Amino acid sequence: MAEIEITRQHVEEWIDNFATGEFHYTSVCGLRNRLEPSQDGKLRKIIYDICHSKGPTIESVGRNDGYYRPIQNGVKPLEFNGSSERKSFPIVFPFNLRQYVHIYPDTTSIVAGSKSAGKSGWLYRVVAMNREKVNTILLSNMEGGKDQMYDRFKAMGIDLTAVPPFIYPVSDNFHDYIKERDTIYVIDYIDAPEGIDFYVIGAAIAKVDKKLQGLNSVAVVGLQKPFGRDTAFGGEQTLKVATMYLAMNDGMLKIVDAKVHTDKKVNPKNMKWSFLYDDEGTNFINIQRSYESE
């Protein structure tokens, strides 16, 4: 295998764009499991030089050899004004999930679905249920094409030729489009480009969540996941910022995590619902909660 070129510029760009928490030096630039022995010393020296330069951008975690974290700069103190009541964003979800999960403004919810499990259909239902009450924008990679998109929304009673445009064809850098206040951003879906490690998915979610701050808006993000696992490609990094994290398999939806419970006495983690699709694959029928969280 050809040796991968490692330069300080590449390392610093990776730190600026993808390092969202603690990382091992071999993860830099997606080099884990691809780092040749001859490159190890070079990478360690670059990391050392960055740590000990004037105005370092990373520092050693200390408790584990080879682990580092980005240094956060330019943080301003928060100002708290107005009511101290618990705020809620007026979004509704399929399966009546708001009965169990509280959604604050400026937060990100995630649905991770295995192939053909209904992830896109669920996201489209979120759009259909909210667009007449809250400004709603769909950022879609248009998998399946424009005609399929039209047919699926028509099956939900929405004629895309007769409503103001709200769908944008976007396949990466979704955070660039998070700009409007009081808006629901539905993203279908964040994926890792071919040949790129899945660690970039967690970083992309973090960028979306960061852009939401102060906008009084929310994001609902679709991710792909493997069969038989609750977390998406990208693993635990995709869990970090999610206020609600759902997993979808064939005929089943599960709450993997919920940071804030609507009813403090009811923990919805691990609640599950079984369902069927109708013929068009955009409406969920025969929804039944099949498991009570303990």
C-alpha atoms as a PDB file:
ATOM      1  CA  MET A   1       0.000   0.000   0.000  1.00  0.00           C
ATOM      2  CA  ALA A   2       1.336   3.420  -0.922  1.00  0.00           C
ATOM      3  CA  GLU A   3       2.557   5.456   2.008  1.00  0.00           C
ATOM      4  CA  ILE A   4       0.240   8.299   2.969  1.00  0.00           C
ATOM      5  CA  GLU A   5       1.856  11.723   3.072  1.00  0.00           C
ATOM      6  CA  ILE A   6       1.688  13.347   6.513  1.00  0.00           C
ATOM      7  CA  THR A   7       2.314  17.064   6.875  1.00  0.00           C
ATOM      8  CA  ARG A   8       1.760  19.517   9.706  1.00  0.00           C
ATOM      9  CA  GLN A   9      -0.734  21.395   7.536  1.00  0.00           C
ATOM     10  CA  HIS A  10      -2.843  18.240   7.092  1.00  0.00           C
ATOM     11  CA  VAL A  11      -2.742  17.534  10.822  1.00  0.00           C
ATOM     12  CA  GLU A  12      -3.708  21.094  11.786  1.00  0.00           C
ATOM     13  CA  GLU A  13      -6.577  21.104   9.278  1.00  0.00           C
ATOM     14  CA  TRP A  14      -7.853  17.838  10.744  1.00  0.00           C
ATOM     15  CA  ILE A  15      -7.693  19.271  14.269  1.00  0.00           C
ATOM     16  CA  ASP A  16      -9.587  22.411  13.218  1.00  0.00           C
ATOM     17  CA  ASN A  17     -12.321  20.587  11.287  1.00  0.00           C
ATOM     18  CA  PHE A  18     -12.804  17.158  12.862  1.00  0.00           C
ATOM     19  CA  ALA A  19     -11.444  16.978  16.409  1.00  0.00           C
ATOM     20  CA  THR A  20     -14.548  17.344  18.608  1.00  0.00           C
ATOM     21  CA  GLY A  21     -13.206  15.690  21.772  1.00  0.00           C
ATOM     22  CA  GLU A  22     -10.419  13.468  23.001  1.00  0.00           C
ATOM     23  CA  PHE A  23      -8.628  11.608  20.233  1.00  0.00           C
ATOM     24  CA  HIS A  24      -5.683   9.243  19.839  1.00  0.00           C
ATOM     25  CA  TYR A  25      -2.914  10.536  17.628  1.00  0.00           C
ATOM     26  CA  THR A  26      -3.323   7.582  15.247  1.00  0.00           C
ATOM     27  CA  SER A  27      -6.868   8.784  14.498  1.00  0.00           C
ATOM     28  CA  VAL A  28      -5.567  12.000  12.946  1.00  0.00           C
ATOM     29  CA  CYS A  29      -6.492  12.262   9.268  1.00  0.00           C
ATOM     30  CA  GLY A  30      -8.145   8.835   9.461  1.00  0.00           C
ATOM     31  CA  LEU A  31      -4.796   7.089   9.824  1.00  0.00           C
ATOM     32  CA  ARG A  32      -5.896   4.475  12.362  1.00  0.00           C
ATOM     33  CA  ASN A  33      -5.021   1.003  11.049  1.00  0.00           C
ATOM     34  CA  ARG A  34      -3.304   2.629   8.037  1.00  0.00           C
ATOM     35  CA  LEU A  35      -0.288   4.180   9.740  1.00  0.00           C
ATOM     36  CA  GLU A  36       2.974   2.658   8.558  1.00  0.00           C
ATOM     37  CA  PRO A  37       5.714   2.184  11.213  1.00  0.00           C
ATOM     38  CA  SER A  38       7.940   4.620   9.348  1.00  0.00           C
ATOM     39  CA  GLN A  39       5.250   7.294   9.641  1.00  0.00           C
ATOM     40  CA  ASP A  40       4.565   6.869  13.348  1.00  0.00           C
ATOM     41  CA  GLY A  41       7.585   8.846  14.511  1.00  0.00           C
ATOM     42  CA  LYS A  42       6.887  11.623  12.033  1.00  0.00           C
ATOM     43  CA  LEU A  43       3.281  11.978  13.182  1.00  0.00           C
ATOM     44  CA  ARG A  44       4.269  11.948  16.859  1.00  0.00           C
ATOM     45  CA  LYS A  45       6.808  14.732  16.228  1.00  0.00           C
ATOM     46  CA  ILE A  46       4.213  16.868  14.416  1.00  0.00           C
ATOM     47  CA  ILE A  47       1.784  16.408  17.314  1.00  0.00           C
ATOM     48  CA  TYR A  48       4.549  17.251  19.806  1.00  0.00           C
ATOM     49  CA  ASP A  49       5.487  20.415  17.884  1.00  0.00           C
ATOM     50  CA  ILE A  50       1.850  21.574  17.772  1.00  0.00           C
ATOM     51  CA  CYS A  51       1.461  20.988  21.530  1.00  0.00           C
ATOM     52  CA  HIS A  52       4.611  22.966  22.317  1.00  0.00           C
ATOM     53  CA  SER A  53       4.252  25.778  19.802  1.00  0.00           C
ATOM     54  CA  LYS A  54       3.267  29.326  20.696  1.00  0.00           C
ATOM     55  CA  GLY A  55      -0.518  29.308  20.953  1.00  0.00           C
ATOM     56  CA  PRO A  56      -1.022  25.518  20.834  1.00  0.00           C
ATOM     57  CA  THR A  57      -4.326  24.173  19.509  1.00  0.00           C
ATOM     58  CA  ILE A  58      -4.152  20.800  21.318  1.00  0.00           C
ATOM     59  CA  GLU A  59      -2.793  19.412  24.572  1.00  0.00           C
ATOM     60  CA  SER A  60      -1.992  15.976  25.934  1.00  0.00           C
ATOM     61  CA  VAL A  61      -4.790  14.461  28.002  1.00  0.00           C
ATOM     62  CA  GLY A  62      -2.123  13.011  30.257  1.00  0.00           C
ATOM     63  CA  ARG A  63      -3.801   9.983  31.770  1.00  0.00           C
ATOM     64  CA  ASN A  64      -3.385   7.899  28.607  1.00  0.00           C
ATOM     65  CA  ASP A  65      -0.371   7.847  26.341  1.00  0.00           C
ATOM     66  CA  GLY A  66      -1.053   9.241  22.901  1.00  0.00           C
ATOM     67  CA  TYR A  67      -4.381  10.928  23.712  1.00  0.00           C
ATOM     68  CA  TYR A  68      -5.007  14.623  23.083  1.00  0.00           C
ATOM     69  CA  ARG A  69      -7.823  17.125  23.085  1.00  0.00           C
ATOM     70  CA  PRO A  70      -8.448  20.423  21.235  1.00  0.00           C
ATOM     71  CA  ILE A  71      -7.888  23.587  23.261  1.00  0.00           C
ATOM     72  CA  GLN A  72     -11.004  25.748  23.256  1.00  0.00           C
ATOM     73  CA  ASN A  73     -10.371  29.447  22.689  1.00  0.00           C
ATOM     74  CA  GLY A  74     -12.525  32.538  22.463  1.00  0.00           C
ATOM     75  CA  VAL A  75     -15.392  31.362  24.675  1.00  0.00           C
ATOM     76  CA  LYS A  76     -17.632  34.155  25.979  1.00  0.00           C
ATOM     77  CA  PRO A  77     -19.658  33.961  29.211  1.00  0.00           C
ATOM     78  CA  LEU A  78     -23.332  33.106  28.851  1.00  0.00           C
ATOM     79  CA  GLU A  79     -25.983  35.688  29.644  1.00  0.00           C
ATOM     80  CA  PHE A  80     -29.284  34.498  31.093  1.00  0.00           C
ATOM     81  CA  ASN A  81     -32.230  36.825  30.589  1.00  0.00           C
ATOM     82  CA  GLY A  82     -35.990  36.514  30.862  1.00  0.00           C
ATOM     83  CA  SER A  83     -38.066  33.655  32.218  1.00  0.00           C
ATOM     84  CA  SER A  84     -36.481  30.704  33.973  1.00  0.00           C
ATOM     85  CA  GLU A  85     -39.241  28.336  32.801  1.00  0.00           C
ATOM     86  CA  ARG A  86     -38.220  25.257  30.849  1.00  0.00           C
ATOM     87  CA  LYS A  87     -38.447  26.198  27.181  1.00  0.00           C
ATOM     88  CA  SER A  88     -39.802  23.850  24.551  1.00  0.00           C
ATOM     89  CA  PHE A  89     -39.513  23.894  20.769  1.00  0.00           C
ATOM     90  CA  PRO A  90     -42.891  23.357  19.038  1.00  0.00           C
ATOM     91  CA  ILE A  91     -41.924  20.322  16.966  1.00  0.00           C
ATOM     92  CA  VAL A  92     -44.006  17.155  16.772  1.00  0.00           C
ATOM     93  CA  PHE A  93     -42.769  13.692  15.843  1.00  0.00           C
ATOM     94  CA  PRO A  94     -44.308  10.493  14.506  1.00  0.00           C
ATOM     95  CA  PHE A  95     -45.129   7.857  17.145  1.00  0.00           C
ATOM     96  CA  ASN A  96     -46.162  10.679  19.512  1.00  0.00           C
ATOM     97  CA  LEU A  97     -42.598  10.845  20.814  1.00  0.00           C
ATOM     98  CA  ARG A  98     -43.068  14.274  22.373  1.00  0.00           C
ATOM     99  CA  GLN A  99     -45.160  12.541  25.025  1.00  0.00           C
ATOM    100  CA  TYR A 100     -41.876  11.088  26.282  1.00  0.00           C
ATOM    101  CA  VAL A 101     -39.030  13.340  25.087  1.00  0.00           C
ATOM    102  CA  HIS A 102     -38.663  17.056  25.751  1.00  0.00           C
ATOM    103  CA  ILE A 103     -37.058  19.076  22.948  1.00  0.00           C
ATOM    104  CA  TYR A 104     -35.311  22.338  23.755  1.00  0.00           C
ATOM    105  CA  PRO A 105     -34.501  24.974  21.122  1.00  0.00           C
ATOM    106  CA  ASP A 106     -30.993  24.823  19.602  1.00  0.00           C
ATOM    107  CA  THR A 107     -30.798  21.028  19.853  1.00  0.00           C
ATOM    108  CA  THR A 108     -30.248  18.104  17.491  1.00  0.00           C
ATOM    109  CA  SER A 109     -32.265  14.892  17.299  1.00  0.00           C
ATOM    110  CA  ILE A 110     -31.040  11.837  15.413  1.00  0.00           C
ATOM    111  CA  VAL A 111     -32.702   8.855  13.770  1.00  0.00           C
ATOM    112  CA  ALA A 112     -30.310   6.072  12.780  1.00  0.00           C
ATOM    113  CA  GLY A 113     -31.789   3.544  10.380  1.00  0.00           C
ATOM    114  CA  SER A 114     -30.537   0.372   8.759  1.00  0.00           C
ATOM    115  CA  LYS A 115     -31.064   0.069   5.020  1.00  0.00           C
ATOM    116  CA  SER A 116     -34.740   0.236   3.970  1.00  0.00           C
ATOM    117  CA  ALA A 117     -35.885   0.460   7.607  1.00  0.00           C
ATOM    118  CA  GLY A 118     -37.934   3.623   7.023  1.00  0.00           C
ATOM    119  CA  LYS A 119     -35.512   6.356   8.079  1.00  0.00           C
ATOM    120  CA  SER A 120     -36.281   8.660   5.132  1.00  0.00           C
ATOM    121  CA  GLY A 121     -40.011   8.001   5.452  1.00  0.00           C
ATOM    122  CA  TRP A 122     -39.853   8.957   9.139  1.00  0.00           C
ATOM    123  CA  LEU A 123     -37.966  12.156   8.330  1.00  0.00           C
ATOM    124  CA  TYR A 124     -40.486  13.045   5.616  1.00  0.00           C
ATOM    125  CA  ARG A 125     -43.288  12.533   8.125  1.00  0.00           C
ATOM    126  CA  VAL A 126     -41.558  15.034  10.424  1.00  0.00           C
ATOM    127  CA  VAL A 127     -41.605  17.525   7.551  1.00  0.00           C
ATOM    128  CA  ALA A 128     -45.270  16.840   6.756  1.00  0.00           C
ATOM    129  CA  MET A 129     -46.382  17.113  10.387  1.00  0.00           C
ATOM    130  CA  ASN A 130     -44.638  20.439  11.061  1.00  0.00           C
ATOM    131  CA  ARG A 131     -44.307  22.476   7.857  1.00  0.00           C
ATOM    132  CA  GLU A 132     -47.638  24.325   8.144  1.00  0.00           C
ATOM    133  CA  LYS A 133     -46.927  25.469  11.709  1.00  0.00           C
ATOM    134  CA  VAL A 134     -43.150  25.958  11.812  1.00  0.00           C
ATOM    135  CA  ASN A 135     -40.725  27.041   9.102  1.00  0.00           C
ATOM    136  CA  THR A 136     -39.338  23.698   7.924  1.00  0.00           C
ATOM    137  CA  ILE A 137     -36.397  23.063   5.585  1.00  0.00           C
ATOM    138  CA  LEU A 138     -35.440  19.665   4.178  1.00  0.00           C
ATOM    139  CA  LEU A 139     -31.778  19.226   3.234  1.00  0.00           C
ATOM    140  CA  SER A 140     -31.733  16.051   1.149  1.00  0.00           C
ATOM    141  CA  ASN A 141     -29.094  14.108  -0.734  1.00  0.00           C
ATOM    142  CA  MET A 142     -31.938  13.275  -3.173  1.00  0.00           C
ATOM    143  CA  GLU A 143     -31.236   9.553  -3.026  1.00  0.00           C
ATOM    144  CA  GLY A 144     -33.876   8.044  -5.308  1.00  0.00           C
ATOM    145  CA  GLY A 145     -34.235  11.183  -7.393  1.00  0.00           C
ATOM    146  CA  LYS A 146     -36.601  14.091  -7.764  1.00  0.00           C
ATOM    147  CA  ASP A 147     -39.568  12.081  -9.068  1.00  0.00           C
ATOM    148  CA  GLN A 148     -39.504   9.683  -6.137  1.00  0.00           C
ATOM    149  CA  MET A 149     -39.354  12.643  -3.766  1.00  0.00           C
ATOM    150  CA  TYR A 150     -42.439  14.105  -5.432  1.00  0.00           C
ATOM    151  CA  ASP A 151     -44.378  10.831  -5.243  1.00  0.00           C
ATOM    152  CA  ARG A 152     -43.568  10.237  -1.588  1.00  0.00           C
ATOM    153  CA  PHE A 153     -44.751  13.676  -0.528  1.00  0.00           C
ATOM    154  CA  LYS A 154     -47.848  13.384  -2.714  1.00  0.00           C
ATOM    155  CA  ALA A 155     -48.700  10.183  -0.845  1.00  0.00           C
ATOM    156  CA  MET A 156     -48.767  12.342   2.305  1.00  0.00           C
ATOM    157  CA  GLY A 157     -51.083  14.897   0.698  1.00  0.00           C
ATOM    158  CA  ILE A 158     -48.394  17.442  -0.223  1.00  0.00           C
ATOM    159  CA  ASP A 159     -48.154  18.508  -3.879  1.00  0.00           C
ATOM    160  CA  LEU A 160     -44.626  19.856  -4.204  1.00  0.00           C
ATOM    161  CA  THR A 161     -45.592  21.778  -7.352  1.00  0.00           C
ATOM    162  CA  ALA A 162     -48.182  23.782  -5.406  1.00  0.00           C
ATOM    163  CA  VAL A 163     -46.286  24.785  -2.237  1.00  0.00           C
ATOM    164  CA  PRO A 164     -43.391  27.199  -1.675  1.00  0.00           C
ATOM    165  CA  PRO A 165     -40.043  25.414  -2.176  1.00  0.00           C
ATOM    166  CA  PHE A 166     -38.539  24.026   1.031  1.00  0.00           C
ATOM    167  CA  ILE A 167     -36.311  21.165  -0.207  1.00  0.00           C
ATOM    168  CA  TYR A 168     -32.627  21.776  -0.931  1.00  0.00           C
ATOM    169  CA  PRO A 169     -30.363  19.214  -2.666  1.00  0.00           C
ATOM    170  CA  VAL A 170     -27.400  18.952  -0.279  1.00  0.00           C
ATOM    171  CA  SER A 171     -24.989  16.054   0.191  1.00  0.00           C
ATOM    172  CA  ASP A 172     -22.311  17.442   2.526  1.00  0.00           C
ATOM    173  CA  ASN A 173     -21.358  20.441   4.662  1.00  0.00           C
ATOM    174  CA  PHE A 174     -24.924  20.610   5.939  1.00  0.00           C
ATOM    175  CA  HIS A 175     -23.935  23.117   8.615  1.00  0.00           C
ATOM    176  CA  ASP A 176     -23.399  25.747   5.906  1.00  0.00           C
ATOM    177  CA  TYR A 177     -27.183  25.870   5.430  1.00  0.00           C
ATOM    178  CA  ILE A 178     -28.140  26.297   9.098  1.00  0.00           C
ATOM    179  CA  LYS A 179     -28.903  30.026   9.118  1.00  0.00           C
ATOM    180  CA  GLU A 180     -32.564  30.786   9.837  1.00  0.00           C
ATOM    181  CA  ARG A 181     -34.210  31.394  13.181  1.00  0.00           C
ATOM    182  CA  ASP A 182     -37.248  29.493  14.473  1.00  0.00           C
ATOM    183  CA  THR A 183     -36.742  26.736  11.911  1.00  0.00           C
ATOM    184  CA  ILE A 184     -36.782  22.949  11.777  1.00  0.00           C
ATOM    185  CA  TYR A 185     -33.896  21.600   9.702  1.00  0.00           C
ATOM    186  CA  VAL A 186     -34.477  18.024   8.549  1.00  0.00           C
ATOM    187  CA  ILE A 187     -31.337  16.393   7.130  1.00  0.00           C
ATOM    188  CA  ASP A 188     -31.642  13.233   5.020  1.00  0.00           C
ATOM    189  CA  TYR A 189     -28.945  12.085   5.579  1.00  0.00           C
ATOM    190  CA  ILE A 190     -25.326  12.578   6.771  1.00  0.00           C
ATOM    191  CA  ASP A 191     -22.944   9.967   5.391  1.00  0.00           C
ATOM    192  CA  ALA A 192     -19.192   9.547   5.041  1.00  0.00           C
ATOM    193  CA  PRO A 193     -17.905  10.009   1.469  1.00  0.00           C
ATOM    194  CA  GLU A 194     -16.543   6.858  -0.102  1.00  0.00           C
ATOM    195  CA  GLY A 195     -13.020   6.190   1.072  1.00  0.00           C
ATOM    196  CA  ILE A 196     -13.317   8.480   4.127  1.00  0.00           C
ATOM    197  CA  ASP A 197     -13.409   7.122   7.674  1.00  0.00           C
ATOM    198  CA  PHE A 198     -16.714   7.257   9.490  1.00  0.00           C
ATOM    199  CA  TYR A 199     -15.272   9.504  12.218  1.00  0.00           C
ATOM    200  CA  VAL A 200     -16.258  12.451  10.015  1.00  0.00           C
ATOM    201  CA  ILE A 201     -19.949  11.746  10.693  1.00  0.00           C
ATOM    202  CA  GLY A 202     -19.669  12.653  14.368  1.00  0.00           C
ATOM    203  CA  ALA A 203     -17.769  15.807  13.439  1.00  0.00           C
ATOM    204  CA  ALA A 204     -20.431  16.771  10.874  1.00  0.00           C
ATOM    205  CA  ILE A 205     -23.193  16.389  13.473  1.00  0.00           C
ATOM    206  CA  ALA A 206     -21.233  18.523  15.929  1.00  0.00           C
ATOM    207  CA  LYS A 207     -20.923  21.276  13.302  1.00  0.00           C
ATOM    208  CA  VAL A 208     -24.673  21.239  12.673  1.00  0.00           C
ATOM    209  CA  ASP A 209     -25.396  21.437  16.393  1.00  0.00           C
ATOM    210  CA  LYS A 210     -22.943  24.296  16.839  1.00  0.00           C
ATOM    211  CA  LYS A 211     -24.586  26.325  14.052  1.00  0.00           C
ATOM    212  CA  LEU A 212     -27.980  25.956  15.764  1.00  0.00           C
ATOM    213  CA  GLN A 213     -26.870  27.748  18.908  1.00  0.00           C
ATOM    214  CA  GLY A 214     -28.746  31.009  19.404  1.00  0.00           C
ATOM    215  CA  LEU A 215     -31.074  30.510  16.414  1.00  0.00           C
ATOM    216  CA  ASN A 216     -33.997  29.044  18.386  1.00  0.00           C
ATOM    217  CA  SER A 217     -34.015  26.323  15.726  1.00  0.00           C
ATOM    218  CA  VAL A 218     -33.654  22.537  15.827  1.00  0.00           C
ATOM    219  CA  ALA A 219     -32.199  19.874  13.565  1.00  0.00           C
ATOM    220  CA  VAL A 220     -33.476  16.356  12.931  1.00  0.00           C
ATOM    221  CA  VAL A 221     -30.717  14.294  11.335  1.00  0.00           C
ATOM    222  CA  GLY A 222     -30.870  10.948   9.567  1.00  0.00           C
ATOM    223  CA  LEU A 223     -27.926   8.537   9.705  1.00  0.00           C
ATOM    224  CA  GLN A 224     -27.265   5.086   8.299  1.00  0.00           C
ATOM    225  CA  LYS A 225     -26.548   2.269  10.715  1.00  0.00           C
ATOM    226  CA  PRO A 226     -25.529  -1.369  10.443  1.00  0.00           C
ATOM    227  CA  PHE A 227     -28.060  -4.147  10.959  1.00  0.00           C
ATOM    228  CA  GLY A 228     -28.218  -5.380  14.518  1.00  0.00           C
ATOM    229  CA  ARG A 229     -26.765  -2.249  16.128  1.00  0.00           C
ATOM    230  CA  ASP A 230     -28.452   0.787  17.676  1.00  0.00           C
ATOM    231  CA  THR A 231     -25.756   3.338  16.860  1.00  0.00           C
ATOM    232  CA  ALA A 232     -25.040   4.681  13.390  1.00  0.00           C
ATOM    233  CA  PHE A 233     -21.891   4.388  11.347  1.00  0.00           C
ATOM    234  CA  GLY A 234     -19.559   6.647  13.271  1.00  0.00           C
ATOM    235  CA  GLY A 235     -20.362   4.846  16.532  1.00  0.00           C
ATOM    236  CA  GLU A 236     -20.532   6.579  19.884  1.00  0.00           C
ATOM    237  CA  GLN A 237     -19.321   9.882  18.403  1.00  0.00           C
ATOM    238  CA  THR A 238     -22.785  10.235  16.853  1.00  0.00           C
ATOM    239  CA  LEU A 239     -24.426  10.069  20.312  1.00  0.00           C
ATOM    240  CA  LYS A 240     -22.623  13.011  21.852  1.00  0.00           C
ATOM    241  CA  VAL A 241     -24.820  15.998  20.995  1.00  0.00           C
ATOM    242  CA  ALA A 242     -28.152  14.251  20.368  1.00  0.00           C
ATOM    243  CA  THR A 243     -30.979  15.321  22.645  1.00  0.00           C
ATOM    244  CA  MET A 244     -32.978  12.373  21.256  1.00  0.00           C
ATOM    245  CA  TYR A 245     -31.434   9.360  19.524  1.00  0.00           C
ATOM    246  CA  LEU A 246     -33.619   6.833  17.720  1.00  0.00           C
ATOM    247  CA  ALA A 247     -32.796   3.532  16.052  1.00  0.00           C
ATOM    248  CA  MET A 248     -34.928   2.081  13.263  1.00  0.00           C
ATOM    249  CA  ASN A 249     -34.869  -1.510  12.082  1.00  0.00           C
ATOM    250  CA  ASP A 250     -37.364  -3.299   9.874  1.00  0.00           C
ATOM    251  CA  GLY A 251     -40.737  -2.727  11.550  1.00  0.00           C
ATOM    252  CA  MET A 252     -39.319  -1.374  14.801  1.00  0.00           C
ATOM    253  CA  LEU A 253     -38.412   2.030  16.280  1.00  0.00           C
ATOM    254  CA  LYS A 254     -36.476   2.395  19.537  1.00  0.00           C
ATOM    255  CA  ILE A 255     -35.508   5.314  21.758  1.00  0.00           C
ATOM    256  CA  VAL A 256     -31.805   4.709  22.317  1.00  0.00           C
ATOM    257  CA  ASP A 257     -31.315   7.831  24.408  1.00  0.00           C
ATOM    258  CA  ALA A 258     -33.297  10.859  25.536  1.00  0.00           C
ATOM    259  CA  LYS A 259     -31.503  13.591  27.461  1.00  0.00           C
ATOM    260  CA  VAL A 260     -34.617  15.306  28.806  1.00  0.00           C
ATOM    261  CA  HIS A 261     -37.831  13.467  29.684  1.00  0.00           C
ATOM    262  CA  THR A 262     -41.223  15.079  29.209  1.00  0.00           C
ATOM    263  CA  ASP A 263     -42.416  13.353  32.388  1.00  0.00           C
ATOM    264  CA  LYS A 264     -39.580  13.223  34.905  1.00  0.00           C
ATOM    265  CA  LYS A 265     -41.085  10.066  36.366  1.00  0.00           C
ATOM    266  CA  VAL A 266     -40.972   8.197  33.036  1.00  0.00           C
ATOM    267  CA  ASN A 267     -37.598   7.313  31.491  1.00  0.00           C
ATOM    268  CA  PRO A 268     -38.252   6.556  27.805  1.00  0.00           C
ATOM    269  CA  LYS A 269     -34.843   5.008  27.145  1.00  0.00           C
ATOM    270  CA  ASN A 270     -35.248   1.636  25.386  1.00  0.00           C
ATOM    271  CA  MET A 271     -38.945   2.140  24.671  1.00  0.00           C
ATOM    272  CA  LYS A 272     -39.878   0.429  21.396  1.00  0.00           C
ATOM    273  CA  TRP A 273     -42.678   0.658  18.879  1.00  0.00           C
ATOM    274  CA  SER A 274     -43.601  -1.834  16.176  1.00  0.00           C
ATOM    275  CA  PHE A 275     -45.131  -0.541  12.941  1.00  0.00           C
ATOM    276  CA  LEU A 276     -46.031  -1.266   9.347  1.00  0.00           C
ATOM    277  CA  TYR A 277     -45.700   0.900   6.254  1.00  0.00           C
ATOM    278  CA  ASP A 278     -48.604   1.638   3.983  1.00  0.00           C
ATOM    279  CA  ASP A 279     -48.119   0.949   0.279  1.00  0.00           C
ATOM    280  CA  GLU A 280     -46.368   4.250  -0.459  1.00  0.00           C
ATOM    281  CA  GLY A 281     -43.853   3.811   2.351  1.00  0.00           C
ATOM    282  CA  THR A 282     -44.418   7.267   3.825  1.00  0.00           C
ATOM    283  CA  ASN A 283     -47.161   6.661   6.380  1.00  0.00           C
ATOM    284  CA  PHE A 284     -46.754   4.461   9.436  1.00  0.00           C
ATOM    285  CA  ILE A 285     -49.680   2.259  10.430  1.00  0.00           C
ATOM    286  CA  ASN A 286     -50.452  -0.318  13.129  1.00  0.00           C
ATOM    287  CA  ILE A 287     -48.144   1.521  15.533  1.00  0.00           C
ATOM    288  CA  GLN A 288     -47.933  -0.297  18.855  1.00  0.00           C
ATOM    289  CA  ARG A 289     -45.649   0.317  21.785  1.00  0.00           C
ATOM    290  CA  SER A 290     -44.182  -3.090  22.405  1.00  0.00           C
ATOM    291  CA  TYR A 291     -41.884  -2.492  25.380  1.00  0.00           C
ATOM    292  CA  GLU A 292     -42.051  -0.417  28.544  1.00  0.00           C
ATOM    293  CA  SER A 293     -38.839   1.183  29.772  1.00  0.00           C
ATOM    294  CA  GLU A 294     -38.016   0.180  33.302  1.00  0.00           C
END
